[in-house]
Amino acid sequence: MPGPLVVNESVVIPDAELVWRFSRSSGPGGQGVNTTDSRVELSFDVAATTALPPSLKARALDRLGSATITIAASEHRSQLRNREAAAQRLAQRLREAIAPPPKRRRPTKPGRGAVERRIATKKHRSDLKRLRRDP
């Protein structure tokens, strides 16, 4: 699983900037649960990376709140599958952090026809209720 982490078509994080740590998992594992280091922690320092342009780096730091992202994965029995899961989660987290902000909604007023239909409906309801009353 060594190699660069592809976040999107324009951002690729080199393997040298990823920090992997392994430990014993508390999850499922059968006989080898106490002897294999299947839990994976993947850390990435956003502030020190050279893979992100300055504008995307600033956006990511603003959205993430901290300079380092740490992802832990221990849901699988094998270290390889946990490494793949951690890498996918880190890539997804970075995609969300560097995504462009949504377009702002341009406020509009309702059209004249919509206003007239709304008032006509209100008058109709008012007339119905008025006719139900005793004279």
N, C-alpha and C. Protein backbone atom coordinates (compact mmCIF):
# COMPACT_ATOMS: atom_id res chain seq x y z
N MET A 1 0.82 -1.19 0.00
CA MET A 1 0.00 0.00 0.00
C MET A 1 0.86 1.25 0.00
N PRO A 2 2.19 1.12 -0.08
CA PRO A 2 2.98 2.35 -0.15
C PRO A 2 2.74 3.04 -1.48
N GLY A 3 2.97 4.32 -1.46
CA GLY A 3 2.77 5.10 -2.68
C GLY A 3 1.99 6.36 -2.36
N PRO A 4 1.88 7.23 -3.34
CA PRO A 4 1.18 8.49 -3.10
C PRO A 4 -0.33 8.27 -2.91
N LEU A 5 -0.93 9.21 -2.16
CA LEU A 5 -2.37 9.17 -1.90
C LEU A 5 -3.04 10.15 -2.85
N VAL A 6 -3.93 9.64 -3.69
CA VAL A 6 -4.63 10.48 -4.66
C VAL A 6 -5.90 11.02 -4.01
N VAL A 7 -5.95 12.34 -3.83
CA VAL A 7 -7.12 12.99 -3.23
C VAL A 7 -8.13 13.31 -4.32
N ASN A 8 -7.69 13.97 -5.37
CA ASN A 8 -8.51 14.21 -6.56
C ASN A 8 -7.58 14.32 -7.75
N GLU A 9 -8.08 14.71 -8.91
CA GLU A 9 -7.25 14.69 -10.11
C GLU A 9 -6.10 15.69 -10.06
N SER A 10 -6.20 16.72 -9.23
CA SER A 10 -5.13 17.72 -9.18
C SER A 10 -4.29 17.66 -7.91
N VAL A 11 -4.72 16.92 -6.90
CA VAL A 11 -3.99 16.86 -5.63
C VAL A 11 -3.56 15.42 -5.35
N VAL A 12 -2.25 15.22 -5.24
CA VAL A 12 -1.68 13.91 -4.91
C VAL A 12 -0.68 14.13 -3.78
N ILE A 13 -0.86 13.41 -2.67
CA ILE A 13 0.01 13.56 -1.52
C ILE A 13 1.11 12.50 -1.60
N PRO A 14 2.38 12.93 -1.59
CA PRO A 14 3.46 11.96 -1.65
C PRO A 14 3.50 11.11 -0.39
N ASP A 15 4.01 9.89 -0.54
CA ASP A 15 4.07 8.93 0.57
C ASP A 15 4.94 9.45 1.71
N ALA A 16 5.95 10.28 1.40
CA ALA A 16 6.86 10.78 2.42
C ALA A 16 6.16 11.71 3.42
N GLU A 17 5.02 12.29 3.04
CA GLU A 17 4.31 13.20 3.94
C GLU A 17 3.28 12.50 4.81
N LEU A 18 3.07 11.20 4.60
CA LEU A 18 2.12 10.43 5.39
C LEU A 18 2.87 9.70 6.50
N VAL A 19 2.32 9.74 7.71
CA VAL A 19 2.94 9.06 8.85
C VAL A 19 2.02 7.93 9.28
N TRP A 20 2.53 6.70 9.18
CA TRP A 20 1.75 5.51 9.54
C TRP A 20 2.22 5.01 10.90
N ARG A 21 1.27 4.61 11.76
CA ARG A 21 1.58 3.95 13.04
C ARG A 21 0.69 2.73 13.15
N PHE A 22 1.23 1.67 13.74
CA PHE A 22 0.49 0.42 13.87
C PHE A 22 0.50 -0.02 15.33
N SER A 23 -0.64 -0.57 15.76
CA SER A 23 -0.73 -1.08 17.13
C SER A 23 -1.72 -2.23 17.15
N ARG A 24 -1.86 -2.83 18.30
CA ARG A 24 -2.78 -3.96 18.41
C ARG A 24 -4.21 -3.46 18.48
N SER A 25 -5.05 -4.10 17.73
CA SER A 25 -6.45 -3.71 17.64
C SER A 25 -7.25 -4.38 18.74
N SER A 26 -8.31 -3.72 19.16
CA SER A 26 -9.19 -4.32 20.17
C SER A 26 -10.38 -5.00 19.52
N GLY A 27 -10.46 -4.95 18.21
CA GLY A 27 -11.60 -5.51 17.48
C GLY A 27 -11.46 -6.98 17.22
N PRO A 28 -12.17 -7.49 16.20
CA PRO A 28 -12.16 -8.91 15.90
C PRO A 28 -10.79 -9.36 15.40
N GLY A 29 -10.46 -10.63 15.60
CA GLY A 29 -9.17 -11.08 15.13
C GLY A 29 -8.89 -12.55 15.35
N GLY A 30 -9.68 -13.22 16.13
CA GLY A 30 -9.45 -14.65 16.35
C GLY A 30 -8.20 -14.93 17.14
N GLN A 31 -7.45 -15.98 16.77
CA GLN A 31 -6.30 -16.40 17.55
C GLN A 31 -5.16 -15.40 17.49
N GLY A 32 -5.02 -14.68 16.38
CA GLY A 32 -3.88 -13.77 16.23
C GLY A 32 -4.13 -12.37 16.74
N VAL A 33 -5.22 -12.15 17.46
CA VAL A 33 -5.58 -10.80 17.86
C VAL A 33 -4.54 -10.19 18.80
N ASN A 34 -3.88 -10.98 19.61
CA ASN A 34 -2.94 -10.43 20.57
C ASN A 34 -1.52 -10.35 20.03
N THR A 35 -1.29 -10.81 18.81
CA THR A 35 0.07 -10.83 18.29
C THR A 35 0.25 -9.96 17.05
N THR A 36 -0.81 -9.58 16.38
CA THR A 36 -0.65 -8.78 15.16
C THR A 36 -1.00 -7.33 15.40
N ASP A 37 -0.26 -6.45 14.76
CA ASP A 37 -0.52 -5.01 14.85
C ASP A 37 -1.43 -4.61 13.70
N SER A 38 -2.72 -4.84 13.88
CA SER A 38 -3.64 -4.60 12.77
C SER A 38 -4.30 -3.23 12.83
N ARG A 39 -4.24 -2.53 13.95
CA ARG A 39 -4.82 -1.19 14.05
C ARG A 39 -3.88 -0.21 13.36
N VAL A 40 -4.46 0.73 12.59
CA VAL A 40 -3.66 1.66 11.81
C VAL A 40 -4.03 3.08 12.19
N GLU A 41 -3.01 3.93 12.37
CA GLU A 41 -3.21 5.37 12.53
C GLU A 41 -2.46 6.06 11.41
N LEU A 42 -3.15 6.89 10.67
CA LEU A 42 -2.56 7.64 9.57
C LEU A 42 -2.63 9.12 9.89
N SER A 43 -1.46 9.78 9.91
CA SER A 43 -1.40 11.20 10.22
C SER A 43 -0.87 11.97 9.01
N PHE A 44 -1.39 13.18 8.86
CA PHE A 44 -0.98 14.04 7.76
C PHE A 44 -0.95 15.48 8.25
N ASP A 45 0.17 16.16 8.05
CA ASP A 45 0.33 17.54 8.49
C ASP A 45 -0.03 18.47 7.33
N VAL A 46 -1.18 19.10 7.44
CA VAL A 46 -1.67 19.97 6.36
C VAL A 46 -0.82 21.23 6.24
N ALA A 47 -0.37 21.77 7.38
CA ALA A 47 0.38 23.02 7.35
C ALA A 47 1.75 22.85 6.71
N ALA A 48 2.36 21.67 6.82
CA ALA A 48 3.71 21.47 6.31
C ALA A 48 3.75 20.83 4.93
N THR A 49 2.62 20.55 4.34
CA THR A 49 2.60 19.84 3.06
C THR A 49 3.03 20.72 1.90
N THR A 50 3.62 20.07 0.90
CA THR A 50 3.96 20.77 -0.34
C THR A 50 3.03 20.34 -1.46
N ALA A 51 2.11 19.42 -1.16
CA ALA A 51 1.21 18.89 -2.18
C ALA A 51 0.04 19.83 -2.48
N LEU A 52 -0.27 20.72 -1.55
CA LEU A 52 -1.40 21.62 -1.73
C LEU A 52 -0.93 23.01 -2.10
N PRO A 53 -1.56 23.65 -3.07
CA PRO A 53 -1.25 25.06 -3.35
C PRO A 53 -1.65 25.93 -2.15
N PRO A 54 -1.06 27.11 -2.03
CA PRO A 54 -1.35 27.95 -0.85
C PRO A 54 -2.83 28.25 -0.63
N SER A 55 -3.59 28.46 -1.70
CA SER A 55 -5.01 28.79 -1.53
C SER A 55 -5.78 27.59 -0.96
N LEU A 56 -5.51 26.39 -1.47
CA LEU A 56 -6.19 25.20 -0.96
C LEU A 56 -5.73 24.87 0.46
N LYS A 57 -4.45 25.11 0.74
CA LYS A 57 -3.93 24.85 2.08
C LYS A 57 -4.62 25.76 3.10
N ALA A 58 -4.78 27.04 2.75
CA ALA A 58 -5.45 27.98 3.66
C ALA A 58 -6.90 27.57 3.88
N ARG A 59 -7.58 27.16 2.80
CA ARG A 59 -8.98 26.72 2.92
C ARG A 59 -9.09 25.49 3.80
N ALA A 60 -8.17 24.53 3.62
CA ALA A 60 -8.21 23.30 4.41
C ALA A 60 -7.93 23.59 5.89
N LEU A 61 -6.93 24.43 6.16
CA LEU A 61 -6.62 24.75 7.57
C LEU A 61 -7.79 25.48 8.23
N ASP A 62 -8.45 26.33 7.47
CA ASP A 62 -9.60 27.06 8.02
C ASP A 62 -10.75 26.10 8.35
N ARG A 63 -11.01 25.14 7.47
CA ARG A 63 -12.14 24.23 7.68
C ARG A 63 -11.83 23.13 8.68
N LEU A 64 -10.60 22.65 8.72
CA LEU A 64 -10.27 21.53 9.60
C LEU A 64 -10.08 21.97 11.05
N GLY A 65 -9.60 23.19 11.26
CA GLY A 65 -9.43 23.66 12.63
C GLY A 65 -8.09 23.31 13.24
N SER A 66 -7.41 22.29 12.75
CA SER A 66 -6.08 21.95 13.25
C SER A 66 -5.18 21.65 12.07
N ALA A 67 -3.88 21.68 12.31
CA ALA A 67 -2.93 21.49 11.23
C ALA A 67 -2.68 20.02 10.90
N THR A 68 -2.99 19.13 11.82
CA THR A 68 -2.71 17.71 11.62
C THR A 68 -4.01 16.92 11.62
N ILE A 69 -4.16 16.04 10.63
CA ILE A 69 -5.30 15.13 10.57
C ILE A 69 -4.80 13.75 10.96
N THR A 70 -5.49 13.11 11.89
CA THR A 70 -5.15 11.74 12.27
C THR A 70 -6.38 10.86 12.09
N ILE A 71 -6.23 9.81 11.32
CA ILE A 71 -7.31 8.86 11.04
C ILE A 71 -6.92 7.52 11.64
N ALA A 72 -7.82 6.91 12.40
CA ALA A 72 -7.57 5.58 12.97
C ALA A 72 -8.54 4.59 12.33
N ALA A 73 -8.03 3.41 12.01
CA ALA A 73 -8.86 2.37 11.42
C ALA A 73 -8.53 1.04 12.09
N SER A 74 -9.56 0.38 12.61
CA SER A 74 -9.35 -0.93 13.23
C SER A 74 -10.54 -1.85 13.01
N GLU A 75 -11.35 -1.54 11.99
CA GLU A 75 -12.57 -2.33 11.79
C GLU A 75 -12.33 -3.64 11.06
N HIS A 76 -11.18 -3.80 10.41
CA HIS A 76 -10.89 -5.03 9.68
C HIS A 76 -9.87 -5.87 10.45
N ARG A 77 -9.79 -7.14 10.09
CA ARG A 77 -8.86 -8.03 10.78
C ARG A 77 -7.44 -7.91 10.26
N SER A 78 -7.27 -7.48 9.03
CA SER A 78 -5.92 -7.40 8.47
C SER A 78 -5.42 -5.96 8.45
N GLN A 79 -4.13 -5.84 8.61
CA GLN A 79 -3.52 -4.52 8.60
C GLN A 79 -3.66 -3.87 7.23
N LEU A 80 -3.55 -4.65 6.18
CA LEU A 80 -3.64 -4.10 4.83
C LEU A 80 -5.01 -3.45 4.58
N ARG A 81 -6.07 -4.13 4.97
CA ARG A 81 -7.41 -3.57 4.76
C ARG A 81 -7.63 -2.34 5.64
N ASN A 82 -7.06 -2.33 6.84
CA ASN A 82 -7.16 -1.14 7.69
C ASN A 82 -6.37 0.02 7.10
N ARG A 83 -5.23 -0.28 6.47
CA ARG A 83 -4.46 0.77 5.81
C ARG A 83 -5.26 1.37 4.65
N GLU A 84 -5.91 0.52 3.87
CA GLU A 84 -6.72 1.00 2.76
C GLU A 84 -7.89 1.86 3.26
N ALA A 85 -8.54 1.41 4.34
CA ALA A 85 -9.67 2.16 4.91
C ALA A 85 -9.21 3.53 5.41
N ALA A 86 -8.07 3.57 6.10
CA ALA A 86 -7.56 4.83 6.63
C ALA A 86 -7.20 5.78 5.49
N ALA A 87 -6.58 5.27 4.44
CA ALA A 87 -6.21 6.11 3.30
C ALA A 87 -7.45 6.67 2.61
N GLN A 88 -8.49 5.84 2.45
CA GLN A 88 -9.72 6.32 1.82
C GLN A 88 -10.38 7.41 2.66
N ARG A 89 -10.39 7.21 3.99
CA ARG A 89 -11.01 8.22 4.86
C ARG A 89 -10.24 9.53 4.85
N LEU A 90 -8.90 9.44 4.84
CA LEU A 90 -8.10 10.67 4.78
C LEU A 90 -8.35 11.40 3.46
N ALA A 91 -8.37 10.67 2.36
CA ALA A 91 -8.63 11.31 1.07
C ALA A 91 -10.00 11.98 1.05
N GLN A 92 -11.01 11.32 1.59
CA GLN A 92 -12.36 11.90 1.63
C GLN A 92 -12.39 13.15 2.49
N ARG A 93 -11.71 13.11 3.65
CA ARG A 93 -11.68 14.26 4.55
C ARG A 93 -10.99 15.45 3.87
N LEU A 94 -9.90 15.17 3.16
CA LEU A 94 -9.20 16.26 2.45
C LEU A 94 -10.03 16.79 1.29
N ARG A 95 -10.74 15.91 0.57
CA ARG A 95 -11.62 16.38 -0.52
C ARG A 95 -12.66 17.35 0.02
N GLU A 96 -13.24 17.02 1.18
CA GLU A 96 -14.26 17.91 1.76
C GLU A 96 -13.64 19.22 2.22
N ALA A 97 -12.40 19.16 2.74
CA ALA A 97 -11.76 20.36 3.27
C ALA A 97 -11.32 21.34 2.18
N ILE A 98 -10.95 20.81 0.99
CA ILE A 98 -10.47 21.70 -0.07
C ILE A 98 -11.53 22.01 -1.12
N ALA A 99 -12.73 21.49 -0.92
CA ALA A 99 -13.81 21.74 -1.88
C ALA A 99 -14.14 23.23 -1.93
N PRO A 100 -14.47 23.75 -3.10
CA PRO A 100 -14.82 25.17 -3.18
C PRO A 100 -16.13 25.44 -2.42
N PRO A 101 -16.27 26.64 -1.89
CA PRO A 101 -17.51 26.95 -1.17
C PRO A 101 -18.69 26.95 -2.13
N PRO A 102 -19.88 26.62 -1.63
CA PRO A 102 -21.05 26.62 -2.52
C PRO A 102 -21.37 28.03 -3.00
N LYS A 103 -22.00 28.10 -4.18
CA LYS A 103 -22.37 29.41 -4.71
C LYS A 103 -23.40 30.06 -3.79
N ARG A 104 -23.26 31.36 -3.63
CA ARG A 104 -24.20 32.09 -2.78
C ARG A 104 -25.53 32.23 -3.49
N ARG A 105 -26.60 32.11 -2.74
CA ARG A 105 -27.93 32.26 -3.30
C ARG A 105 -28.20 33.74 -3.52
N ARG A 106 -28.66 34.06 -4.71
CA ARG A 106 -29.02 35.44 -5.00
C ARG A 106 -30.46 35.64 -4.58
N PRO A 107 -30.72 36.47 -3.58
CA PRO A 107 -32.10 36.62 -3.13
C PRO A 107 -32.98 37.26 -4.19
N THR A 108 -34.19 36.73 -4.34
CA THR A 108 -35.14 37.26 -5.33
C THR A 108 -36.48 37.52 -4.66
N LYS A 109 -37.29 38.34 -5.33
CA LYS A 109 -38.64 38.60 -4.83
C LYS A 109 -39.61 37.70 -5.59
N PRO A 110 -40.74 37.35 -4.97
CA PRO A 110 -41.73 36.58 -5.71
C PRO A 110 -42.31 37.44 -6.83
N GLY A 111 -42.68 36.79 -7.92
CA GLY A 111 -43.25 37.52 -9.06
C GLY A 111 -44.63 38.08 -8.75
N ARG A 112 -45.08 39.01 -9.59
CA ARG A 112 -46.38 39.65 -9.37
C ARG A 112 -47.51 38.62 -9.44
N GLY A 113 -47.40 37.66 -10.39
CA GLY A 113 -48.44 36.64 -10.50
C GLY A 113 -48.54 35.78 -9.26
N ALA A 114 -47.40 35.43 -8.66
CA ALA A 114 -47.40 34.60 -7.46
C ALA A 114 -48.05 35.35 -6.30
N VAL A 115 -47.74 36.64 -6.18
CA VAL A 115 -48.33 37.45 -5.10
C VAL A 115 -49.84 37.53 -5.30
N GLU A 116 -50.30 37.78 -6.54
CA GLU A 116 -51.73 37.89 -6.81
C GLU A 116 -52.45 36.57 -6.55
N ARG A 117 -51.86 35.45 -6.93
CA ARG A 117 -52.48 34.13 -6.66
C ARG A 117 -52.59 33.87 -5.17
N ARG A 118 -51.55 34.24 -4.42
CA ARG A 118 -51.59 34.03 -2.97
C ARG A 118 -52.72 34.85 -2.33
N ILE A 119 -52.83 36.11 -2.74
CA ILE A 119 -53.87 36.97 -2.17
C ILE A 119 -55.25 36.48 -2.59
N ALA A 120 -55.40 36.04 -3.85
CA ALA A 120 -56.70 35.53 -4.31
C ALA A 120 -57.09 34.29 -3.51
N THR A 121 -56.15 33.41 -3.22
CA THR A 121 -56.45 32.21 -2.42
C THR A 121 -56.86 32.60 -1.01
N LYS A 122 -56.18 33.58 -0.43
CA LYS A 122 -56.54 34.04 0.91
C LYS A 122 -57.95 34.63 0.93
N LYS A 123 -58.29 35.40 -0.10
CA LYS A 123 -59.63 35.99 -0.16
C LYS A 123 -60.69 34.91 -0.32
N HIS A 124 -60.39 33.91 -1.13
CA HIS A 124 -61.32 32.80 -1.32
C HIS A 124 -61.57 32.08 0.01
N ARG A 125 -60.51 31.78 0.76
CA ARG A 125 -60.66 31.10 2.06
C ARG A 125 -61.46 31.99 3.01
N SER A 126 -61.19 33.28 2.98
CA SER A 126 -61.89 34.21 3.85
C SER A 126 -63.39 34.24 3.53
N ASP A 127 -63.70 34.25 2.24
CA ASP A 127 -65.11 34.24 1.83
C ASP A 127 -65.80 32.95 2.28
N LEU A 128 -65.13 31.81 2.11
CA LEU A 128 -65.71 30.54 2.54
C LEU A 128 -66.03 30.56 4.03
N LYS A 129 -65.11 31.04 4.82
CA LYS A 129 -65.33 31.06 6.27
C LYS A 129 -66.40 32.07 6.65
N ARG A 130 -66.45 33.20 5.92
CA ARG A 130 -67.45 34.23 6.22
C ARG A 130 -68.86 33.70 5.92
N LEU A 131 -69.00 32.91 4.83
CA LEU A 131 -70.31 32.38 4.48
C LEU A 131 -70.80 31.29 5.44
N ARG A 132 -69.88 30.68 6.17
CA ARG A 132 -70.27 29.64 7.14
C ARG A 132 -70.88 30.24 8.41
N ARG A 133 -70.56 31.53 8.66
CA ARG A 133 -71.04 32.15 9.90
C ARG A 133 -72.55 32.41 9.86
N ASP A 134 -73.12 32.50 11.06
CA ASP A 134 -74.54 32.86 11.16
C ASP A 134 -74.67 34.35 10.89
N PRO A 135 -75.77 34.73 10.23
CA PRO A 135 -75.97 36.16 9.95
C PRO A 135 -76.29 36.98 11.20
